[in-house]
Amino acid sequence: MATYAIGDIQGCYHAFMALLVRIQFDAKRDKLWLVGDLINRGSGSLEVLRWCYQHQESLKVVLGNHDLHALAVAHGLKAAHRGDTLQTILDASDAPELLTWLRQQPLMLVENDYVMVHAGLLPQWTIEQAAGLAREVEQTLQAEGYLDFLTNMYGNMPNAWNDDLTDMDRLRVITNAMTRMRVCTARGEMEFAFKGELKDVPQGYMPWFDVPARQSSEATIICGHWSALGLRQRKSIVALDTGCLWGGKLTAMCLETKTITQVDFDARDKV
């Protein structure tokens, strides 16, 4: 039995299937951890989502920003962006079943010494605190009034955590940190426009995982979201988004051995 964490798939179905072959994945024996952004932008969003639904007993998923966006678009709460590849999902006869399953997935996973989250954790959050905050969003998203959350989750403000935050401001900060954040200040003020390489991080900001005295540094956090960052393996951080969608690679790490396996972008995944 092996457990493999896999970076952002984003609808790259053919690359995903090739990676499963490369790691010799056996759904009866092995487990997958998928770091979010399962769908959108690649040509096989529906196929990826169906595969995950069919193999849900063999995998664990955290939600990414593209997954949340798909839910909002599906309910007519947000217009699709140029470049979105969600229409095949929306038109599918099994769309309600697939999207309901997606909505039930967590924002954060904690197991043994590993934590998985799509983007990152704010520096002042301990693992225990972050897990509790993630549950607040998850419970809201899984409750009957979830459409209110999907309607109001968009926006960059507030851009920092405060224990006194309430209602949608509170949920938005948690969601933005866990699904959108790449860089922040030493005090945890987030900046969302930057998507570039480390050498180009704006002055006054730093990668969220490099903030001094980060309270979650005792765990190994598996994340994605930042394709320009590329593969990073440290004691406290494993970043697995290697930009498959943009012509890069799709990456898996075996949690038991730390071994990295990659496959190249497949041109069939390009729209």
C-alpha atoms as a PDB file:
ATOM      1  CA  MET A   1       0.000   0.000   0.000  1.00  0.00           C
ATOM      2  CA  ALA A   2       1.237   3.478  -0.885  1.00  0.00           C
ATOM      3  CA  THR A   3      -0.164   6.990  -0.578  1.00  0.00           C
ATOM      4  CA  TYR A   4       0.513   9.484  -3.348  1.00  0.00           C
ATOM      5  CA  ALA A   5      -0.074  13.240  -3.169  1.00  0.00           C
ATOM      6  CA  ILE A   6      -0.683  14.770  -6.609  1.00  0.00           C
ATOM      7  CA  GLY A   7      -0.485  18.419  -7.627  1.00  0.00           C
ATOM      8  CA  ASP A   8      -3.060  20.529  -9.474  1.00  0.00           C
ATOM      9  CA  ILE A   9      -4.696  18.457 -12.232  1.00  0.00           C
ATOM     10  CA  GLN A  10      -6.959  21.216 -13.603  1.00  0.00           C
ATOM     11  CA  GLY A  11      -8.737  18.987 -16.064  1.00  0.00           C
ATOM     12  CA  CYS A  12      -5.568  17.443 -17.544  1.00  0.00           C
ATOM     13  CA  TYR A  13      -7.145  14.005 -17.719  1.00  0.00           C
ATOM     14  CA  HIS A  14      -4.634  12.336 -20.035  1.00  0.00           C
ATOM     15  CA  ALA A  15      -1.646  13.454 -17.964  1.00  0.00           C
ATOM     16  CA  PHE A  16      -3.467  12.298 -14.823  1.00  0.00           C
ATOM     17  CA  MET A  17      -4.076   8.841 -16.279  1.00  0.00           C
ATOM     18  CA  ALA A  18      -0.449   8.628 -17.436  1.00  0.00           C
ATOM     19  CA  LEU A  19       0.761   9.525 -13.941  1.00  0.00           C
ATOM     20  CA  LEU A  20      -1.408   6.826 -12.379  1.00  0.00           C
ATOM     21  CA  VAL A  21       0.132   4.313 -14.767  1.00  0.00           C
ATOM     22  CA  ARG A  22       3.629   5.582 -13.971  1.00  0.00           C
ATOM     23  CA  ILE A  23       3.152   5.127 -10.205  1.00  0.00           C
ATOM     24  CA  GLN A  24       1.338   1.806 -10.798  1.00  0.00           C
ATOM     25  CA  PHE A  25      -1.647   3.027  -8.828  1.00  0.00           C
ATOM     26  CA  ASP A  26      -3.967   0.270  -7.617  1.00  0.00           C
ATOM     27  CA  ALA A  27      -7.296   1.581  -6.328  1.00  0.00           C
ATOM     28  CA  LYS A  28      -7.777  -1.552  -4.210  1.00  0.00           C
ATOM     29  CA  ARG A  29      -4.459  -1.050  -2.431  1.00  0.00           C
ATOM     30  CA  ASP A  30      -3.209   2.516  -2.758  1.00  0.00           C
ATOM     31  CA  LYS A  31      -4.541   5.947  -1.798  1.00  0.00           C
ATOM     32  CA  LEU A  32      -4.402   9.333  -3.531  1.00  0.00           C
ATOM     33  CA  TRP A  33      -4.257  12.770  -1.934  1.00  0.00           C
ATOM     34  CA  LEU A  34      -5.327  15.412  -4.451  1.00  0.00           C
ATOM     35  CA  VAL A  35      -4.281  18.951  -3.594  1.00  0.00           C
ATOM     36  CA  GLY A  36      -7.242  20.738  -5.168  1.00  0.00           C
ATOM     37  CA  ASP A  37      -8.016  22.363  -8.511  1.00  0.00           C
ATOM     38  CA  LEU A  38      -9.130  19.048  -9.896  1.00  0.00           C
ATOM     39  CA  ILE A  39     -10.918  20.765 -12.743  1.00  0.00           C
ATOM     40  CA  ASN A  40     -11.016  23.754 -15.086  1.00  0.00           C
ATOM     41  CA  ARG A  41      -8.766  24.989 -17.909  1.00  0.00           C
ATOM     42  CA  GLY A  42      -7.771  21.551 -19.239  1.00  0.00           C
ATOM     43  CA  SER A  43      -9.933  19.727 -21.786  1.00  0.00           C
ATOM     44  CA  GLY A  44     -10.870  16.811 -19.510  1.00  0.00           C
ATOM     45  CA  SER A  45     -12.557  18.460 -16.537  1.00  0.00           C
ATOM     46  CA  LEU A  46     -15.620  16.214 -16.719  1.00  0.00           C
ATOM     47  CA  GLU A  47     -13.507  13.079 -17.100  1.00  0.00           C
ATOM     48  CA  VAL A  48     -11.321  13.980 -14.112  1.00  0.00           C
ATOM     49  CA  LEU A  49     -14.320  14.728 -11.916  1.00  0.00           C
ATOM     50  CA  ARG A  50     -16.054  11.502 -12.924  1.00  0.00           C
ATOM     51  CA  TRP A  51     -12.911   9.468 -12.240  1.00  0.00           C
ATOM     52  CA  CYS A  52     -12.559  11.005  -8.795  1.00  0.00           C
ATOM     53  CA  TYR A  53     -16.214  10.410  -7.992  1.00  0.00           C
ATOM     54  CA  GLN A  54     -15.983   6.795  -9.100  1.00  0.00           C
ATOM     55  CA  HIS A  55     -12.832   6.222  -7.043  1.00  0.00           C
ATOM     56  CA  GLN A  56     -13.769   8.322  -4.027  1.00  0.00           C
ATOM     57  CA  GLU A  57     -13.073   5.469  -1.608  1.00  0.00           C
ATOM     58  CA  SER A  58      -9.439   5.511  -2.712  1.00  0.00           C
ATOM     59  CA  LEU A  59      -8.746   9.222  -2.507  1.00  0.00           C
ATOM     60  CA  LYS A  60      -8.812  12.308  -0.329  1.00  0.00           C
ATOM     61  CA  VAL A  61      -9.349  15.746  -1.808  1.00  0.00           C
ATOM     62  CA  VAL A  62      -9.117  19.347  -0.640  1.00  0.00           C
ATOM     63  CA  LEU A  63     -10.907  22.096  -2.512  1.00  0.00           C
ATOM     64  CA  GLY A  64      -9.028  24.615  -4.639  1.00  0.00           C
ATOM     65  CA  ASN A  65     -10.122  27.979  -5.967  1.00  0.00           C
ATOM     66  CA  HIS A  66     -11.085  26.513  -9.353  1.00  0.00           C
ATOM     67  CA  ASP A  67     -13.262  23.887  -7.683  1.00  0.00           C
ATOM     68  CA  LEU A  68     -15.100  26.545  -5.678  1.00  0.00           C
ATOM     69  CA  HIS A  69     -15.441  28.687  -8.786  1.00  0.00           C
ATOM     70  CA  ALA A  70     -17.008  25.748 -10.629  1.00  0.00           C
ATOM     71  CA  LEU A  71     -19.641  25.426  -7.914  1.00  0.00           C
ATOM     72  CA  ALA A  72     -20.502  29.125  -8.160  1.00  0.00           C
ATOM     73  CA  VAL A  73     -20.740  28.991 -11.961  1.00  0.00           C
ATOM     74  CA  ALA A  74     -22.852  25.845 -11.854  1.00  0.00           C
ATOM     75  CA  HIS A  75     -25.433  27.609  -9.676  1.00  0.00           C
ATOM     76  CA  GLY A  76     -25.526  30.702 -11.867  1.00  0.00           C
ATOM     77  CA  LEU A  77     -23.902  32.855  -9.187  1.00  0.00           C
ATOM     78  CA  LYS A  78     -20.835  33.787 -11.224  1.00  0.00           C
ATOM     79  CA  ALA A  79     -20.187  34.087 -14.936  1.00  0.00           C
ATOM     80  CA  ALA A  80     -17.646  31.709 -16.405  1.00  0.00           C
ATOM     81  CA  HIS A  81     -14.229  33.192 -17.079  1.00  0.00           C
ATOM     82  CA  ARG A  82     -12.636  33.149 -20.497  1.00  0.00           C
ATOM     83  CA  GLY A  83     -10.616  29.936 -20.593  1.00  0.00           C
ATOM     84  CA  ASP A  84     -12.903  28.022 -18.236  1.00  0.00           C
ATOM     85  CA  THR A  85     -13.653  24.460 -19.326  1.00  0.00           C
ATOM     86  CA  LEU A  86     -16.659  23.817 -17.122  1.00  0.00           C
ATOM     87  CA  GLN A  87     -19.407  23.568 -19.727  1.00  0.00           C
ATOM     88  CA  THR A  88     -19.022  19.829 -20.262  1.00  0.00           C
ATOM     89  CA  ILE A  89     -19.616  19.342 -16.539  1.00  0.00           C
ATOM     90  CA  LEU A  90     -22.614  21.670 -16.506  1.00  0.00           C
ATOM     91  CA  ASP A  91     -24.155  19.855 -19.478  1.00  0.00           C
ATOM     92  CA  ALA A  92     -23.583  16.357 -18.085  1.00  0.00           C
ATOM     93  CA  SER A  93     -26.566  14.316 -16.912  1.00  0.00           C
ATOM     94  CA  ASP A  94     -24.682  13.409 -13.727  1.00  0.00           C
ATOM     95  CA  ALA A  95     -23.654  17.015 -12.980  1.00  0.00           C
ATOM     96  CA  PRO A  96     -25.832  17.348  -9.829  1.00  0.00           C
ATOM     97  CA  GLU A  97     -24.335  14.201  -8.345  1.00  0.00           C
ATOM     98  CA  LEU A  98     -20.766  15.159  -9.232  1.00  0.00           C
ATOM     99  CA  LEU A  99     -21.038  18.735  -7.976  1.00  0.00           C
ATOM    100  CA  THR A 100     -22.750  17.704  -4.752  1.00  0.00           C
ATOM    101  CA  TRP A 101     -19.853  15.346  -4.075  1.00  0.00           C
ATOM    102  CA  LEU A 102     -17.369  18.123  -4.853  1.00  0.00           C
ATOM    103  CA  ARG A 103     -19.122  20.498  -2.460  1.00  0.00           C
ATOM    104  CA  GLN A 104     -18.754  17.955   0.347  1.00  0.00           C
ATOM    105  CA  GLN A 105     -14.957  17.937   0.155  1.00  0.00           C
ATOM    106  CA  PRO A 106     -12.843  19.642   2.859  1.00  0.00           C
ATOM    107  CA  LEU A 107     -10.579  22.680   2.680  1.00  0.00           C
ATOM    108  CA  MET A 108      -7.861  21.089   4.779  1.00  0.00           C
ATOM    109  CA  LEU A 109      -6.737  17.578   5.654  1.00  0.00           C
ATOM    110  CA  VAL A 110      -4.668  16.639   8.710  1.00  0.00           C
ATOM    111  CA  GLU A 111      -3.317  13.124   9.024  1.00  0.00           C
ATOM    112  CA  ASN A 112      -0.325  12.041  11.104  1.00  0.00           C
ATOM    113  CA  ASP A 113       2.488  14.528  10.398  1.00  0.00           C
ATOM    114  CA  TYR A 114       1.028  15.700   7.081  1.00  0.00           C
ATOM    115  CA  VAL A 115      -1.338  18.550   6.329  1.00  0.00           C
ATOM    116  CA  MET A 116      -2.843  19.141   2.882  1.00  0.00           C
ATOM    117  CA  VAL A 117      -4.302  22.459   1.788  1.00  0.00           C
ATOM    118  CA  HIS A 118      -4.603  23.910  -1.703  1.00  0.00           C
ATOM    119  CA  ALA A 119      -2.793  27.237  -1.241  1.00  0.00           C
ATOM    120  CA  GLY A 120      -1.491  27.815   2.274  1.00  0.00           C
ATOM    121  CA  LEU A 121      -2.016  28.764   5.903  1.00  0.00           C
ATOM    122  CA  LEU A 122      -1.680  32.214   7.420  1.00  0.00           C
ATOM    123  CA  PRO A 123       1.431  32.504   9.615  1.00  0.00           C
ATOM    124  CA  GLN A 124      -0.387  33.076  12.900  1.00  0.00           C
ATOM    125  CA  TRP A 125      -2.506  29.934  12.597  1.00  0.00           C
ATOM    126  CA  THR A 126      -1.495  26.763  14.379  1.00  0.00           C
ATOM    127  CA  ILE A 127      -2.447  23.511  12.699  1.00  0.00           C
ATOM    128  CA  GLU A 128      -5.182  22.937  15.275  1.00  0.00           C
ATOM    129  CA  GLN A 129      -6.580  26.439  14.814  1.00  0.00           C
ATOM    130  CA  ALA A 130      -6.453  26.209  11.024  1.00  0.00           C
ATOM    131  CA  ALA A 131      -8.259  22.880  11.063  1.00  0.00           C
ATOM    132  CA  GLY A 132     -11.032  24.399  13.157  1.00  0.00           C
ATOM    133  CA  LEU A 133     -11.314  27.391  10.830  1.00  0.00           C
ATOM    134  CA  ALA A 134     -11.440  25.116   7.789  1.00  0.00           C
ATOM    135  CA  ARG A 135     -14.334  23.248   9.397  1.00  0.00           C
ATOM    136  CA  GLU A 136     -16.262  26.516   9.713  1.00  0.00           C
ATOM    137  CA  VAL A 137     -16.122  26.956   5.940  1.00  0.00           C
ATOM    138  CA  GLU A 138     -16.784  23.277   5.259  1.00  0.00           C
ATOM    139  CA  GLN A 139     -19.867  23.229   7.469  1.00  0.00           C
ATOM    140  CA  THR A 140     -21.189  26.355   5.740  1.00  0.00           C
ATOM    141  CA  LEU A 141     -20.538  24.932   2.287  1.00  0.00           C
ATOM    142  CA  GLN A 142     -22.219  21.652   3.162  1.00  0.00           C
ATOM    143  CA  ALA A 143     -25.269  23.232   4.824  1.00  0.00           C
ATOM    144  CA  GLU A 144     -28.573  24.177   3.206  1.00  0.00           C
ATOM    145  CA  GLY A 145     -27.622  27.837   2.915  1.00  0.00           C
ATOM    146  CA  TYR A 146     -24.452  27.176   0.925  1.00  0.00           C
ATOM    147  CA  LEU A 147     -25.590  29.387  -1.959  1.00  0.00           C
ATOM    148  CA  ASP A 148     -25.143  32.460   0.247  1.00  0.00           C
ATOM    149  CA  PHE A 149     -21.538  31.448   0.835  1.00  0.00           C
ATOM    150  CA  LEU A 150     -20.852  30.857  -2.861  1.00  0.00           C
ATOM    151  CA  THR A 151     -22.450  34.211  -3.709  1.00  0.00           C
ATOM    152  CA  ASN A 152     -20.296  36.162  -1.257  1.00  0.00           C
ATOM    153  CA  MET A 153     -16.995  34.285  -1.217  1.00  0.00           C
ATOM    154  CA  TYR A 154     -15.428  36.443  -3.959  1.00  0.00           C
ATOM    155  CA  GLY A 155     -13.344  39.453  -2.966  1.00  0.00           C
ATOM    156  CA  ASN A 156      -9.911  40.334  -1.565  1.00  0.00           C
ATOM    157  CA  MET A 157     -10.994  42.014   1.650  1.00  0.00           C
ATOM    158  CA  PRO A 158     -10.415  41.619   4.483  1.00  0.00           C
ATOM    159  CA  ASN A 159      -6.880  40.644   3.494  1.00  0.00           C
ATOM    160  CA  ALA A 160      -5.647  39.586   6.947  1.00  0.00           C
ATOM    161  CA  TRP A 161      -6.833  37.477   9.846  1.00  0.00           C
ATOM    162  CA  ASN A 162      -8.368  38.896  12.989  1.00  0.00           C
ATOM    163  CA  ASP A 163      -9.907  36.742  15.711  1.00  0.00           C
ATOM    164  CA  ASP A 164     -12.809  39.194  15.918  1.00  0.00           C
ATOM    165  CA  LEU A 165     -13.899  38.661  12.310  1.00  0.00           C
ATOM    166  CA  THR A 166     -17.432  37.353  11.926  1.00  0.00           C
ATOM    167  CA  ASP A 167     -19.866  36.163   9.280  1.00  0.00           C
ATOM    168  CA  MET A 168     -18.783  36.336   5.629  1.00  0.00           C
ATOM    169  CA  ASP A 169     -15.679  38.430   6.321  1.00  0.00           C
ATOM    170  CA  ARG A 170     -14.396  35.619   8.522  1.00  0.00           C
ATOM    171  CA  LEU A 171     -15.240  32.868   6.044  1.00  0.00           C
ATOM    172  CA  ARG A 172     -13.759  34.826   3.124  1.00  0.00           C
ATOM    173  CA  VAL A 173     -10.382  35.291   4.824  1.00  0.00           C
ATOM    174  CA  ILE A 174     -10.204  31.593   5.663  1.00  0.00           C
ATOM    175  CA  THR A 175     -11.182  30.597   2.127  1.00  0.00           C
ATOM    176  CA  ASN A 176      -8.790  33.056   0.484  1.00  0.00           C
ATOM    177  CA  ALA A 177      -5.852  31.923   2.589  1.00  0.00           C
ATOM    178  CA  MET A 178      -6.472  28.230   2.007  1.00  0.00           C
ATOM    179  CA  THR A 179      -7.344  28.413  -1.692  1.00  0.00           C
ATOM    180  CA  ARG A 180      -5.754  31.597  -3.151  1.00  0.00           C
ATOM    181  CA  MET A 181      -2.778  32.818  -1.101  1.00  0.00           C
ATOM    182  CA  ARG A 182       0.778  32.727  -2.403  1.00  0.00           C
ATOM    183  CA  VAL A 183       2.476  35.598  -0.591  1.00  0.00           C
ATOM    184  CA  CYS A 184       1.820  37.719   2.469  1.00  0.00           C
ATOM    185  CA  THR A 185       3.584  40.151   4.776  1.00  0.00           C
ATOM    186  CA  ALA A 186       5.217  39.129   8.036  1.00  0.00           C
ATOM    187  CA  ARG A 187       1.934  40.091   9.715  1.00  0.00           C
ATOM    188  CA  GLY A 188      -0.088  37.901   7.369  1.00  0.00           C
ATOM    189  CA  GLU A 189      -1.529  40.562   5.053  1.00  0.00           C
ATOM    190  CA  MET A 190      -2.292  38.739   1.802  1.00  0.00           C
ATOM    191  CA  GLU A 191      -1.673  39.948  -1.759  1.00  0.00           C
ATOM    192  CA  PHE A 192      -3.559  38.121  -4.500  1.00  0.00           C
ATOM    193  CA  ALA A 193      -2.404  39.633  -7.813  1.00  0.00           C
ATOM    194  CA  PHE A 194       1.095  38.142  -7.747  1.00  0.00           C
ATOM    195  CA  LYS A 195       1.493  34.805  -9.559  1.00  0.00           C
ATOM    196  CA  GLY A 196       5.153  34.933 -10.584  1.00  0.00           C
ATOM    197  CA  GLU A 197       8.450  33.394  -9.571  1.00  0.00           C
ATOM    198  CA  LEU A 198      10.183  33.739  -6.225  1.00  0.00           C
ATOM    199  CA  LYS A 199      12.677  36.282  -7.550  1.00  0.00           C
ATOM    200  CA  ASP A 200       9.795  38.604  -8.446  1.00  0.00           C
ATOM    201  CA  VAL A 201       7.879  38.592  -5.151  1.00  0.00           C
ATOM    202  CA  PRO A 202       6.757  42.190  -4.456  1.00  0.00           C
ATOM    203  CA  GLN A 203       8.706  44.182  -1.889  1.00  0.00           C
ATOM    204  CA  GLY A 204       7.340  43.758   1.598  1.00  0.00           C
ATOM    205  CA  TYR A 205       5.893  40.345   0.851  1.00  0.00           C
ATOM    206  CA  MET A 206       7.255  36.813   1.074  1.00  0.00           C
ATOM    207  CA  PRO A 207       6.023  33.306   0.354  1.00  0.00           C
ATOM    208  CA  TRP A 208       3.544  32.394   3.087  1.00  0.00           C
ATOM    209  CA  PHE A 209       5.701  29.427   4.093  1.00  0.00           C
ATOM    210  CA  ASP A 210       8.794  31.622   4.623  1.00  0.00           C
ATOM    211  CA  VAL A 211       7.237  33.964   7.189  1.00  0.00           C
ATOM    212  CA  PRO A 212       9.414  33.905  10.340  1.00  0.00           C
ATOM    213  CA  ALA A 213       7.892  32.116  13.334  1.00  0.00           C
ATOM    214  CA  ARG A 214       5.095  30.605  11.238  1.00  0.00           C
ATOM    215  CA  GLN A 215       2.923  28.726  13.730  1.00  0.00           C
ATOM    216  CA  SER A 216       2.289  25.730  11.473  1.00  0.00           C
ATOM    217  CA  SER A 217       5.929  24.903  10.780  1.00  0.00           C
ATOM    218  CA  GLU A 218       5.953  21.722  12.885  1.00  0.00           C
ATOM    219  CA  ALA A 219       3.953  19.836  10.247  1.00  0.00           C
ATOM    220  CA  THR A 220       4.750  19.030   6.636  1.00  0.00           C
ATOM    221  CA  ILE A 221       2.217  20.958   4.563  1.00  0.00           C
ATOM    222  CA  ILE A 222       1.410  19.628   1.105  1.00  0.00           C
ATOM    223  CA  CYS A 223       0.076  22.336  -1.189  1.00  0.00           C
ATOM    224  CA  GLY A 224      -0.317  23.401  -4.808  1.00  0.00           C
ATOM    225  CA  HIS A 225      -1.787  26.505  -6.467  1.00  0.00           C
ATOM    226  CA  TRP A 226       1.507  28.270  -7.305  1.00  0.00           C
ATOM    227  CA  SER A 227       2.652  26.856 -10.645  1.00  0.00           C
ATOM    228  CA  ALA A 228       5.472  29.395 -11.069  1.00  0.00           C
ATOM    229  CA  LEU A 229       6.952  28.184  -7.783  1.00  0.00           C
ATOM    230  CA  GLY A 230       7.377  24.675  -9.129  1.00  0.00           C
ATOM    231  CA  LEU A 231       8.316  21.632  -7.107  1.00  0.00           C
ATOM    232  CA  ARG A 232       9.548  22.400  -3.581  1.00  0.00           C
ATOM    233  CA  GLN A 233      10.409  19.769  -0.990  1.00  0.00           C
ATOM    234  CA  ARG A 234      11.384  20.884   2.483  1.00  0.00           C
ATOM    235  CA  LYS A 235      10.781  19.488   5.948  1.00  0.00           C
ATOM    236  CA  SER A 236       7.762  21.728   6.483  1.00  0.00           C
ATOM    237  CA  ILE A 237       6.502  22.285   2.925  1.00  0.00           C
ATOM    238  CA  VAL A 238       5.926  20.206  -0.200  1.00  0.00           C
ATOM    239  CA  ALA A 239       4.662  22.256  -3.155  1.00  0.00           C
ATOM    240  CA  LEU A 240       3.408  20.053  -5.992  1.00  0.00           C
ATOM    241  CA  ASP A 241       1.950  22.376  -8.634  1.00  0.00           C
ATOM    242  CA  THR A 242       4.423  22.004 -11.483  1.00  0.00           C
ATOM    243  CA  GLY A 243       2.296  23.685 -14.137  1.00  0.00           C
ATOM    244  CA  CYS A 244       1.050  20.702 -16.122  1.00  0.00           C
ATOM    245  CA  LEU A 245      -1.732  22.831 -17.573  1.00  0.00           C
ATOM    246  CA  TRP A 246       0.839  25.326 -18.885  1.00  0.00           C
ATOM    247  CA  GLY A 247       3.006  22.711 -20.590  1.00  0.00           C
ATOM    248  CA  GLY A 248       4.907  21.624 -17.497  1.00  0.00           C
ATOM    249  CA  LYS A 249       4.594  18.370 -15.612  1.00  0.00           C
ATOM    250  CA  LEU A 250       2.097  16.636 -13.352  1.00  0.00           C
ATOM    251  CA  THR A 251       3.759  15.591 -10.115  1.00  0.00           C
ATOM    252  CA  ALA A 252       3.144  12.925  -7.489  1.00  0.00           C
ATOM    253  CA  MET A 253       4.976  12.355  -4.219  1.00  0.00           C
ATOM    254  CA  CYS A 254       4.790   9.080  -2.322  1.00  0.00           C
ATOM    255  CA  LEU A 255       4.141  10.050   1.302  1.00  0.00           C
ATOM    256  CA  GLU A 256       5.865   6.957   2.650  1.00  0.00           C
ATOM    257  CA  THR A 257       9.125   7.296   0.697  1.00  0.00           C
ATOM    258  CA  LYS A 258       9.098  10.992  -0.392  1.00  0.00           C
ATOM    259  CA  THR A 259       9.807   9.741  -3.930  1.00  0.00           C
ATOM    260  CA  ILE A 260       8.795  12.131  -6.718  1.00  0.00           C
ATOM    261  CA  THR A 261       7.229  10.859  -9.949  1.00  0.00           C
ATOM    262  CA  GLN A 262       6.353  13.131 -12.873  1.00  0.00           C
ATOM    263  CA  VAL A 263       4.805  12.940 -16.327  1.00  0.00           C
ATOM    264  CA  ASP A 264       4.876  15.540 -19.083  1.00  0.00           C
ATOM    265  CA  PHE A 265       1.937  17.610 -20.240  1.00  0.00           C
ATOM    266  CA  ASP A 266      -0.170  15.773 -22.812  1.00  0.00           C
ATOM    267  CA  ALA A 267      -1.194  17.899 -25.788  1.00  0.00           C
ATOM    268  CA  ARG A 268      -4.635  16.274 -25.765  1.00  0.00           C
ATOM    269  CA  ASP A 269      -5.333  18.111 -22.503  1.00  0.00           C
ATOM    270  CA  LYS A 270      -5.053  21.507 -24.170  1.00  0.00           C
ATOM    271  CA  VAL A 271      -8.269  23.205 -25.246  1.00  0.00           C
END
